[in-house]
Amino acid sequence: MEPLVVKQSRKGNFLYGIGAGIFSLLCLILFLGDFRPDYGYLARSDSAYFRAKCMLFIGVFFFGCVLIFICKRAKSGKVILIVDERGITDHSNACSFGFIPWEDIEWIYLDSILNNRFIEIEIKEQQKYLERLPVWKQEVVLKNQNLGHQMVCITLNSTGISPESLLPQILMRFEEAKRK
């Protein structure tokens, strides 16, 4: 059976890039403008004005960096998921574990948060996988588990493929691997 390869969609990245560009431009316009928002007594102080300018500068920098990152990512057409006879290789988010062999997978199913659907993978030896990650990523994964989700959550937002259409193909390969 041929490997199932999922790449990021240029269209999805383009839309995210437009959003980052708009936010960066909006922050820049507000940063360069001489506005004094009316938030009561704080608006009259110079420290509130200075803090607002600092936040807008951070916004310009942050969303500018996001725009550059998204443009580079869209250009490369990064592969975010590979499903083959050996297992699943996940690079769909910042806390992905990379390669997970079929024998380490307990179950695969769909879940969602606020209409955002994703594929969750329950793995057998969770501590082994946690140790692969830097400490800050371990904390994010553990917080995700505290919310009732698995350590491995495959998000397909930037691919243009729905998790509902992809899950049956993954489950078919999973069942085939369990039979071997």
N, C-alpha and C. Protein backbone atom coordinates (compact mmCIF):
# COMPACT_ATOMS: atom_id res chain seq x y z
N MET A 1 0.84 -1.18 0.00
CA MET A 1 0.00 0.00 0.00
C MET A 1 0.89 1.25 0.00
N GLU A 2 0.53 2.18 -0.82
CA GLU A 2 1.31 3.42 -0.92
C GLU A 2 1.16 4.28 0.33
N PRO A 3 2.23 4.98 0.70
CA PRO A 3 2.12 5.87 1.87
C PRO A 3 1.13 7.00 1.62
N LEU A 4 0.46 7.39 2.67
CA LEU A 4 -0.46 8.51 2.64
C LEU A 4 0.33 9.74 3.08
N VAL A 5 0.46 10.72 2.19
CA VAL A 5 1.25 11.92 2.47
C VAL A 5 0.33 13.14 2.40
N VAL A 6 0.36 13.94 3.47
CA VAL A 6 -0.47 15.14 3.55
C VAL A 6 0.46 16.35 3.66
N LYS A 7 0.31 17.27 2.70
CA LYS A 7 1.10 18.51 2.70
C LYS A 7 0.23 19.69 3.07
N GLN A 8 0.89 20.76 3.47
CA GLN A 8 0.16 21.99 3.76
C GLN A 8 -0.36 22.58 2.46
N SER A 9 -1.52 23.17 2.54
CA SER A 9 -2.15 23.80 1.39
C SER A 9 -1.61 25.21 1.21
N ARG A 10 -1.28 25.57 0.00
CA ARG A 10 -0.84 26.93 -0.26
C ARG A 10 -1.98 27.92 -0.04
N LYS A 11 -3.20 27.50 -0.36
CA LYS A 11 -4.37 28.38 -0.18
C LYS A 11 -4.58 28.68 1.30
N GLY A 12 -4.51 27.67 2.16
CA GLY A 12 -4.67 27.87 3.59
C GLY A 12 -3.60 28.78 4.16
N ASN A 13 -2.36 28.55 3.75
CA ASN A 13 -1.27 29.39 4.21
C ASN A 13 -1.43 30.81 3.70
N PHE A 14 -1.94 30.95 2.49
CA PHE A 14 -2.17 32.27 1.91
C PHE A 14 -3.17 33.06 2.77
N LEU A 15 -4.24 32.39 3.18
CA LEU A 15 -5.25 33.05 4.02
C LEU A 15 -4.69 33.43 5.39
N TYR A 16 -3.91 32.53 5.98
CA TYR A 16 -3.27 32.85 7.27
C TYR A 16 -2.29 34.02 7.08
N GLY A 17 -1.59 34.03 5.96
CA GLY A 17 -0.65 35.11 5.68
C GLY A 17 -1.36 36.45 5.52
N ILE A 18 -2.50 36.44 4.85
CA ILE A 18 -3.28 37.68 4.71
C ILE A 18 -3.70 38.19 6.09
N GLY A 19 -4.15 37.29 6.93
CA GLY A 19 -4.56 37.68 8.28
C GLY A 19 -3.40 38.27 9.07
N ALA A 20 -2.24 37.63 9.02
CA ALA A 20 -1.06 38.14 9.73
C ALA A 20 -0.64 39.49 9.16
N GLY A 21 -0.70 39.63 7.84
CA GLY A 21 -0.34 40.91 7.22
C GLY A 21 -1.28 42.03 7.62
N ILE A 22 -2.58 41.73 7.68
CA ILE A 22 -3.56 42.75 8.08
C ILE A 22 -3.33 43.18 9.51
N PHE A 23 -3.12 42.21 10.41
CA PHE A 23 -2.88 42.56 11.81
C PHE A 23 -1.59 43.36 11.98
N SER A 24 -0.55 42.98 11.25
CA SER A 24 0.72 43.70 11.33
C SER A 24 0.55 45.14 10.82
N LEU A 25 -0.14 45.29 9.70
CA LEU A 25 -0.38 46.61 9.14
C LEU A 25 -1.24 47.48 10.06
N LEU A 26 -2.26 46.89 10.64
CA LEU A 26 -3.12 47.61 11.56
C LEU A 26 -2.33 48.09 12.79
N CYS A 27 -1.51 47.21 13.34
CA CYS A 27 -0.67 47.61 14.48
C CYS A 27 0.30 48.72 14.08
N LEU A 28 0.86 48.63 12.87
CA LEU A 28 1.80 49.65 12.41
C LEU A 28 1.10 51.00 12.25
N ILE A 29 -0.08 51.01 11.66
CA ILE A 29 -0.83 52.26 11.49
C ILE A 29 -1.14 52.89 12.84
N LEU A 30 -1.59 52.08 13.78
CA LEU A 30 -1.90 52.61 15.11
C LEU A 30 -0.63 53.05 15.84
N PHE A 31 0.48 52.32 15.63
CA PHE A 31 1.75 52.69 16.27
C PHE A 31 2.25 54.03 15.76
N LEU A 32 2.16 54.23 14.44
CA LEU A 32 2.67 55.47 13.85
C LEU A 32 1.73 56.65 14.07
N GLY A 33 0.46 56.37 14.29
CA GLY A 33 -0.51 57.44 14.52
C GLY A 33 -0.37 58.01 15.92
N ASP A 34 -0.83 59.24 16.09
CA ASP A 34 -0.77 59.88 17.40
C ASP A 34 -2.17 59.86 18.01
N PHE A 35 -2.52 58.73 18.55
CA PHE A 35 -3.85 58.60 19.13
C PHE A 35 -3.75 58.60 20.66
N ARG A 36 -4.81 58.97 21.27
CA ARG A 36 -4.93 58.94 22.73
C ARG A 36 -6.28 58.27 23.05
N PRO A 37 -6.27 56.96 23.27
CA PRO A 37 -7.55 56.29 23.54
C PRO A 37 -8.16 56.81 24.84
N ASP A 38 -9.47 56.84 24.89
CA ASP A 38 -10.17 57.34 26.08
C ASP A 38 -10.59 56.16 26.95
N TYR A 39 -9.71 55.77 27.85
CA TYR A 39 -10.00 54.71 28.81
C TYR A 39 -10.10 55.29 30.21
N GLY A 40 -10.70 56.41 30.36
CA GLY A 40 -10.83 57.03 31.68
C GLY A 40 -9.57 57.75 32.08
N TYR A 41 -9.26 57.71 33.36
CA TYR A 41 -8.12 58.47 33.87
C TYR A 41 -6.78 57.97 33.35
N LEU A 42 -6.69 56.68 32.96
CA LEU A 42 -5.41 56.14 32.46
C LEU A 42 -5.03 56.75 31.11
N ALA A 43 -6.02 57.13 30.30
CA ALA A 43 -5.74 57.67 28.98
C ALA A 43 -5.00 59.00 29.06
N ARG A 44 -5.18 59.69 30.16
CA ARG A 44 -4.55 61.00 30.28
C ARG A 44 -3.08 60.90 30.69
N SER A 45 -2.68 59.72 31.15
CA SER A 45 -1.29 59.59 31.61
C SER A 45 -0.37 59.22 30.45
N ASP A 46 0.85 59.69 30.55
CA ASP A 46 1.84 59.36 29.53
C ASP A 46 2.26 57.90 29.62
N SER A 47 2.21 57.30 30.80
CA SER A 47 2.63 55.89 30.95
C SER A 47 1.65 54.96 30.22
N ALA A 48 0.36 55.26 30.25
CA ALA A 48 -0.61 54.43 29.52
C ALA A 48 -0.38 54.55 28.01
N TYR A 49 -0.10 55.75 27.55
CA TYR A 49 0.20 55.97 26.13
C TYR A 49 1.45 55.21 25.72
N PHE A 50 2.47 55.26 26.57
CA PHE A 50 3.72 54.55 26.29
C PHE A 50 3.49 53.04 26.25
N ARG A 51 2.71 52.51 27.20
CA ARG A 51 2.42 51.07 27.23
C ARG A 51 1.65 50.65 25.98
N ALA A 52 0.71 51.48 25.55
CA ALA A 52 -0.06 51.17 24.34
C ALA A 52 0.87 51.14 23.12
N LYS A 53 1.78 52.10 23.03
CA LYS A 53 2.73 52.12 21.91
C LYS A 53 3.64 50.89 21.94
N CYS A 54 4.06 50.48 23.13
CA CYS A 54 4.91 49.28 23.25
C CYS A 54 4.15 48.04 22.78
N MET A 55 2.89 47.92 23.18
CA MET A 55 2.08 46.77 22.77
C MET A 55 1.88 46.76 21.25
N LEU A 56 1.67 47.92 20.68
CA LEU A 56 1.50 47.99 19.22
C LEU A 56 2.80 47.64 18.50
N PHE A 57 3.94 48.07 19.04
CA PHE A 57 5.23 47.72 18.44
C PHE A 57 5.44 46.21 18.50
N ILE A 58 5.10 45.62 19.64
CA ILE A 58 5.21 44.16 19.77
C ILE A 58 4.28 43.48 18.76
N GLY A 59 3.09 44.03 18.56
CA GLY A 59 2.15 43.49 17.58
C GLY A 59 2.70 43.54 16.17
N VAL A 60 3.31 44.67 15.80
CA VAL A 60 3.93 44.79 14.47
C VAL A 60 5.01 43.74 14.30
N PHE A 61 5.86 43.61 15.30
CA PHE A 61 6.96 42.64 15.25
C PHE A 61 6.43 41.21 15.19
N PHE A 62 5.51 40.86 16.09
CA PHE A 62 4.99 39.49 16.17
C PHE A 62 4.30 39.10 14.87
N PHE A 63 3.33 39.89 14.43
CA PHE A 63 2.59 39.53 13.23
C PHE A 63 3.45 39.61 11.98
N GLY A 64 4.46 40.48 11.98
CA GLY A 64 5.42 40.51 10.87
C GLY A 64 6.21 39.21 10.80
N CYS A 65 6.66 38.73 11.96
CA CYS A 65 7.39 37.45 12.01
C CYS A 65 6.49 36.29 11.58
N VAL A 66 5.23 36.31 12.02
CA VAL A 66 4.29 35.27 11.62
C VAL A 66 4.10 35.29 10.11
N LEU A 67 3.99 36.48 9.53
CA LEU A 67 3.83 36.60 8.08
C LEU A 67 5.03 36.01 7.34
N ILE A 68 6.22 36.33 7.79
CA ILE A 68 7.43 35.78 7.16
C ILE A 68 7.47 34.26 7.30
N PHE A 69 7.16 33.76 8.50
CA PHE A 69 7.16 32.32 8.75
C PHE A 69 6.16 31.61 7.83
N ILE A 70 4.96 32.17 7.73
CA ILE A 70 3.93 31.54 6.90
C ILE A 70 4.32 31.57 5.43
N CYS A 71 4.90 32.67 4.96
CA CYS A 71 5.33 32.75 3.56
C CYS A 71 6.40 31.72 3.25
N LYS A 72 7.36 31.55 4.15
CA LYS A 72 8.41 30.54 3.94
C LYS A 72 7.81 29.14 3.93
N ARG A 73 6.88 28.90 4.86
CA ARG A 73 6.26 27.59 4.97
C ARG A 73 5.42 27.29 3.73
N ALA A 74 4.70 28.28 3.22
CA ALA A 74 3.86 28.09 2.05
C ALA A 74 4.71 27.81 0.82
N LYS A 75 5.85 28.45 0.75
CA LYS A 75 6.74 28.26 -0.40
C LYS A 75 7.29 26.84 -0.44
N SER A 76 7.62 26.29 0.73
CA SER A 76 8.23 24.97 0.78
C SER A 76 7.22 23.84 0.62
N GLY A 77 5.94 24.07 0.93
CA GLY A 77 4.93 23.01 0.83
C GLY A 77 5.25 21.86 1.77
N LYS A 78 5.46 22.17 3.02
CA LYS A 78 5.91 21.22 4.03
C LYS A 78 4.95 20.02 4.17
N VAL A 79 5.54 18.83 4.27
CA VAL A 79 4.78 17.62 4.55
C VAL A 79 4.51 17.59 6.05
N ILE A 80 3.24 17.49 6.42
CA ILE A 80 2.92 17.49 7.85
C ILE A 80 2.49 16.13 8.38
N LEU A 81 2.15 15.21 7.48
CA LEU A 81 1.72 13.89 7.94
C LEU A 81 2.07 12.83 6.91
N ILE A 82 2.67 11.75 7.39
CA ILE A 82 2.95 10.59 6.55
C ILE A 82 2.42 9.37 7.29
N VAL A 83 1.59 8.60 6.60
CA VAL A 83 1.06 7.35 7.16
C VAL A 83 1.50 6.24 6.22
N ASP A 84 2.32 5.32 6.72
CA ASP A 84 2.80 4.22 5.89
C ASP A 84 2.73 2.91 6.67
N GLU A 85 3.35 1.86 6.14
CA GLU A 85 3.27 0.54 6.77
C GLU A 85 4.01 0.47 8.11
N ARG A 86 4.92 1.41 8.36
CA ARG A 86 5.67 1.41 9.63
C ARG A 86 4.94 2.16 10.74
N GLY A 87 4.18 3.20 10.38
CA GLY A 87 3.49 3.99 11.39
C GLY A 87 3.10 5.36 10.87
N ILE A 88 3.00 6.30 11.81
CA ILE A 88 2.58 7.66 11.49
C ILE A 88 3.72 8.63 11.82
N THR A 89 4.02 9.52 10.88
CA THR A 89 4.97 10.59 11.12
C THR A 89 4.18 11.89 11.11
N ASP A 90 4.13 12.53 12.29
CA ASP A 90 3.31 13.71 12.47
C ASP A 90 4.18 14.95 12.68
N HIS A 91 3.96 15.96 11.85
CA HIS A 91 4.61 17.27 12.00
C HIS A 91 3.56 18.36 11.86
N SER A 92 2.35 18.10 12.39
CA SER A 92 1.22 19.00 12.17
C SER A 92 1.18 20.19 13.11
N ASN A 93 1.93 20.15 14.22
CA ASN A 93 1.92 21.28 15.14
C ASN A 93 3.25 21.37 15.88
N ALA A 94 3.38 22.38 16.70
CA ALA A 94 4.65 22.66 17.37
C ALA A 94 5.05 21.58 18.37
N CYS A 95 4.10 20.82 18.87
CA CYS A 95 4.39 19.79 19.88
C CYS A 95 4.28 18.38 19.32
N SER A 96 4.47 18.22 18.03
CA SER A 96 4.39 16.90 17.41
C SER A 96 5.57 16.03 17.82
N PHE A 97 5.34 14.72 17.83
CA PHE A 97 6.37 13.78 18.25
C PHE A 97 7.17 13.20 17.09
N GLY A 98 6.79 13.49 15.87
CA GLY A 98 7.49 12.91 14.73
C GLY A 98 6.97 11.51 14.47
N PHE A 99 7.88 10.54 14.34
CA PHE A 99 7.50 9.18 13.98
C PHE A 99 6.95 8.42 15.18
N ILE A 100 5.79 7.76 14.97
CA ILE A 100 5.18 6.89 15.98
C ILE A 100 4.87 5.56 15.29
N PRO A 101 5.56 4.49 15.70
CA PRO A 101 5.28 3.18 15.06
C PRO A 101 3.90 2.65 15.45
N TRP A 102 3.32 1.83 14.57
CA TRP A 102 1.99 1.29 14.81
C TRP A 102 1.90 0.54 16.13
N GLU A 103 2.95 -0.17 16.50
CA GLU A 103 2.89 -0.97 17.74
C GLU A 103 2.80 -0.11 19.00
N ASP A 104 3.11 1.17 18.91
CA ASP A 104 2.99 2.08 20.06
C ASP A 104 1.63 2.77 20.12
N ILE A 105 0.79 2.53 19.14
CA ILE A 105 -0.52 3.19 19.07
C ILE A 105 -1.61 2.29 19.63
N GLU A 106 -2.36 2.83 20.57
CA GLU A 106 -3.48 2.11 21.19
C GLU A 106 -4.76 2.30 20.39
N TRP A 107 -5.08 3.56 20.06
CA TRP A 107 -6.32 3.86 19.36
C TRP A 107 -6.22 5.19 18.64
N ILE A 108 -7.03 5.38 17.59
CA ILE A 108 -7.06 6.61 16.80
C ILE A 108 -8.53 7.01 16.63
N TYR A 109 -8.84 8.28 16.89
CA TYR A 109 -10.22 8.73 16.79
C TYR A 109 -10.29 10.23 16.54
N LEU A 110 -11.49 10.72 16.21
CA LEU A 110 -11.74 12.15 15.98
C LEU A 110 -12.17 12.83 17.27
N ASP A 111 -11.81 14.09 17.41
CA ASP A 111 -12.26 14.92 18.52
C ASP A 111 -12.34 16.36 18.03
N SER A 112 -12.87 17.25 18.87
CA SER A 112 -12.99 18.65 18.46
C SER A 112 -12.99 19.57 19.66
N ILE A 113 -12.61 20.81 19.39
CA ILE A 113 -12.72 21.91 20.34
C ILE A 113 -13.28 23.09 19.55
N LEU A 114 -14.42 23.60 19.97
CA LEU A 114 -15.04 24.77 19.33
C LEU A 114 -15.08 24.64 17.81
N ASN A 115 -15.64 23.56 17.30
CA ASN A 115 -15.78 23.29 15.87
C ASN A 115 -14.46 23.08 15.14
N ASN A 116 -13.37 22.96 15.85
CA ASN A 116 -12.08 22.65 15.24
C ASN A 116 -11.86 21.15 15.40
N ARG A 117 -11.99 20.40 14.31
CA ARG A 117 -11.87 18.94 14.34
C ARG A 117 -10.41 18.54 14.15
N PHE A 118 -10.01 17.48 14.84
CA PHE A 118 -8.65 16.96 14.71
C PHE A 118 -8.64 15.48 15.04
N ILE A 119 -7.55 14.82 14.69
CA ILE A 119 -7.38 13.39 14.93
C ILE A 119 -6.52 13.21 16.17
N GLU A 120 -7.01 12.41 17.10
CA GLU A 120 -6.25 12.13 18.32
C GLU A 120 -5.72 10.70 18.27
N ILE A 121 -4.52 10.53 18.80
CA ILE A 121 -3.89 9.21 18.85
C ILE A 121 -3.52 8.91 20.29
N GLU A 122 -4.05 7.80 20.77
CA GLU A 122 -3.71 7.34 22.11
C GLU A 122 -2.50 6.41 21.99
N ILE A 123 -1.41 6.79 22.66
CA ILE A 123 -0.20 5.97 22.58
C ILE A 123 0.01 5.21 23.88
N LYS A 124 0.70 4.07 23.78
CA LYS A 124 0.86 3.16 24.92
C LYS A 124 1.86 3.67 25.95
N GLU A 125 3.07 3.92 25.56
CA GLU A 125 4.13 4.33 26.50
C GLU A 125 4.33 5.85 26.42
N GLN A 126 3.47 6.58 27.09
CA GLN A 126 3.46 8.02 26.97
C GLN A 126 4.73 8.67 27.50
N GLN A 127 5.29 8.16 28.57
CA GLN A 127 6.49 8.76 29.16
C GLN A 127 7.66 8.73 28.18
N LYS A 128 7.77 7.65 27.43
CA LYS A 128 8.84 7.52 26.42
C LYS A 128 8.75 8.64 25.39
N TYR A 129 7.54 8.99 25.00
CA TYR A 129 7.35 10.04 24.01
C TYR A 129 7.52 11.43 24.61
N LEU A 130 7.08 11.60 25.84
CA LEU A 130 7.27 12.89 26.51
C LEU A 130 8.74 13.24 26.63
N GLU A 131 9.58 12.26 26.90
CA GLU A 131 11.01 12.50 27.08
C GLU A 131 11.70 12.96 25.80
N ARG A 132 11.06 12.76 24.66
CA ARG A 132 11.61 13.23 23.38
C ARG A 132 11.57 14.75 23.26
N LEU A 133 10.63 15.37 23.96
CA LEU A 133 10.36 16.80 23.79
C LEU A 133 11.13 17.66 24.78
N PRO A 134 11.42 18.90 24.40
CA PRO A 134 11.97 19.87 25.37
C PRO A 134 10.95 20.11 26.49
N VAL A 135 11.42 20.62 27.60
CA VAL A 135 10.58 20.81 28.79
C VAL A 135 9.35 21.66 28.50
N TRP A 136 9.51 22.76 27.76
CA TRP A 136 8.37 23.64 27.51
C TRP A 136 7.31 22.94 26.68
N LYS A 137 7.71 22.08 25.75
CA LYS A 137 6.74 21.33 24.95
C LYS A 137 6.07 20.25 25.79
N GLN A 138 6.81 19.67 26.72
CA GLN A 138 6.22 18.69 27.64
C GLN A 138 5.09 19.33 28.44
N GLU A 139 5.33 20.56 28.89
CA GLU A 139 4.31 21.27 29.67
C GLU A 139 3.05 21.51 28.83
N VAL A 140 3.22 21.88 27.58
CA VAL A 140 2.07 22.12 26.70
C VAL A 140 1.29 20.82 26.50
N VAL A 141 2.00 19.72 26.26
CA VAL A 141 1.34 18.43 26.05
C VAL A 141 0.59 18.00 27.31
N LEU A 142 1.20 18.18 28.48
CA LEU A 142 0.55 17.80 29.73
C LEU A 142 -0.69 18.66 29.99
N LYS A 143 -0.63 19.95 29.66
CA LYS A 143 -1.80 20.82 29.80
C LYS A 143 -2.93 20.35 28.88
N ASN A 144 -2.56 19.93 27.68
CA ASN A 144 -3.53 19.40 26.73
C ASN A 144 -4.20 18.15 27.30
N GLN A 145 -3.41 17.29 27.94
CA GLN A 145 -3.97 16.09 28.57
C GLN A 145 -4.90 16.46 29.72
N ASN A 146 -4.55 17.49 30.48
CA ASN A 146 -5.41 17.93 31.57
C ASN A 146 -6.78 18.39 31.07
N LEU A 147 -6.83 18.84 29.82
CA LEU A 147 -8.10 19.25 29.22
C LEU A 147 -8.88 18.06 28.66
N GLY A 148 -8.32 16.86 28.80
CA GLY A 148 -9.02 15.65 28.37
C GLY A 148 -8.66 15.16 26.99
N HIS A 149 -7.55 15.63 26.45
CA HIS A 149 -7.14 15.21 25.10
C HIS A 149 -5.89 14.32 25.19
N GLN A 150 -5.59 13.68 24.10
CA GLN A 150 -4.42 12.81 24.02
C GLN A 150 -3.15 13.63 23.81
N MET A 151 -2.02 12.97 24.00
CA MET A 151 -0.73 13.63 23.77
C MET A 151 -0.55 13.98 22.30
N VAL A 152 -1.06 13.14 21.43
CA VAL A 152 -0.90 13.34 19.99
C VAL A 152 -2.22 13.82 19.40
N CYS A 153 -2.23 15.05 18.93
CA CYS A 153 -3.39 15.64 18.25
C CYS A 153 -2.93 16.13 16.89
N ILE A 154 -3.45 15.51 15.85
CA ILE A 154 -3.07 15.89 14.49
C ILE A 154 -4.06 16.91 13.97
N THR A 155 -3.58 18.12 13.76
CA THR A 155 -4.42 19.19 13.22
C THR A 155 -4.17 19.30 11.72
N LEU A 156 -5.23 19.45 10.98
CA LEU A 156 -5.13 19.52 9.53
C LEU A 156 -5.61 20.86 8.99
N ASN A 157 -5.62 21.89 9.84
CA ASN A 157 -6.15 23.20 9.45
C ASN A 157 -5.49 23.77 8.22
N SER A 158 -4.21 23.59 8.07
CA SER A 158 -3.50 24.23 6.95
C SER A 158 -3.38 23.32 5.73
N THR A 159 -4.15 22.22 5.70
CA THR A 159 -4.01 21.28 4.59
C THR A 159 -5.14 21.33 3.58
N GLY A 160 -6.32 21.76 4.00
CA GLY A 160 -7.47 21.72 3.12
C GLY A 160 -8.14 20.36 3.11
N ILE A 161 -7.68 19.43 3.96
CA ILE A 161 -8.25 18.09 4.06
C ILE A 161 -9.00 17.99 5.38
N SER A 162 -10.18 17.42 5.34
CA SER A 162 -10.95 17.29 6.58
C SER A 162 -10.50 16.03 7.33
N PRO A 163 -10.44 16.11 8.66
CA PRO A 163 -10.08 14.92 9.45
C PRO A 163 -11.06 13.76 9.23
N GLU A 164 -12.34 14.08 8.98
CA GLU A 164 -13.34 13.05 8.75
C GLU A 164 -13.03 12.22 7.50
N SER A 165 -12.50 12.86 6.48
CA SER A 165 -12.18 12.12 5.25
C SER A 165 -10.85 11.37 5.36
N LEU A 166 -9.96 11.83 6.22
CA LEU A 166 -8.65 11.20 6.34
C LEU A 166 -8.64 10.04 7.33
N LEU A 167 -9.44 10.13 8.37
CA LEU A 167 -9.44 9.11 9.43
C LEU A 167 -9.68 7.69 8.92
N PRO A 168 -10.67 7.44 8.04
CA PRO A 168 -10.87 6.06 7.57
C PRO A 168 -9.64 5.47 6.88
N GLN A 169 -8.91 6.29 6.15
CA GLN A 169 -7.70 5.81 5.49
C GLN A 169 -6.61 5.45 6.50
N ILE A 170 -6.51 6.26 7.55
CA ILE A 170 -5.53 5.98 8.61
C ILE A 170 -5.92 4.72 9.37
N LEU A 171 -7.21 4.60 9.71
CA LEU A 171 -7.68 3.43 10.44
C LEU A 171 -7.49 2.14 9.63
N MET A 172 -7.67 2.21 8.32
CA MET A 172 -7.46 1.05 7.46
C MET A 172 -6.00 0.58 7.55
N ARG A 173 -5.06 1.53 7.50
CA ARG A 173 -3.64 1.17 7.62
C ARG A 173 -3.31 0.67 9.02
N PHE A 174 -3.94 1.24 10.03
CA PHE A 174 -3.74 0.82 11.41
C PHE A 174 -4.22 -0.62 11.60
N GLU A 175 -5.41 -0.93 11.11
CA GLU A 175 -5.94 -2.30 11.23
C GLU A 175 -5.08 -3.29 10.47
N GLU A 176 -4.60 -2.89 9.32
CA GLU A 176 -3.71 -3.77 8.53
C GLU A 176 -2.41 -4.05 9.28
N ALA A 177 -1.87 -3.02 9.93
CA ALA A 177 -0.62 -3.19 10.68
C ALA A 177 -0.84 -4.08 11.91
N LYS A 178 -2.00 -4.00 12.54
CA LYS A 178 -2.30 -4.84 13.71
C LYS A 178 -2.42 -6.31 13.34
N ARG A 179 -2.87 -6.58 12.11
CA ARG A 179 -3.00 -7.97 11.66
C ARG A 179 -1.66 -8.63 11.40
N LYS A 180 -0.64 -7.85 11.13
CA LYS A 180 0.69 -8.41 10.80
C LYS A 180 1.43 -8.86 12.03
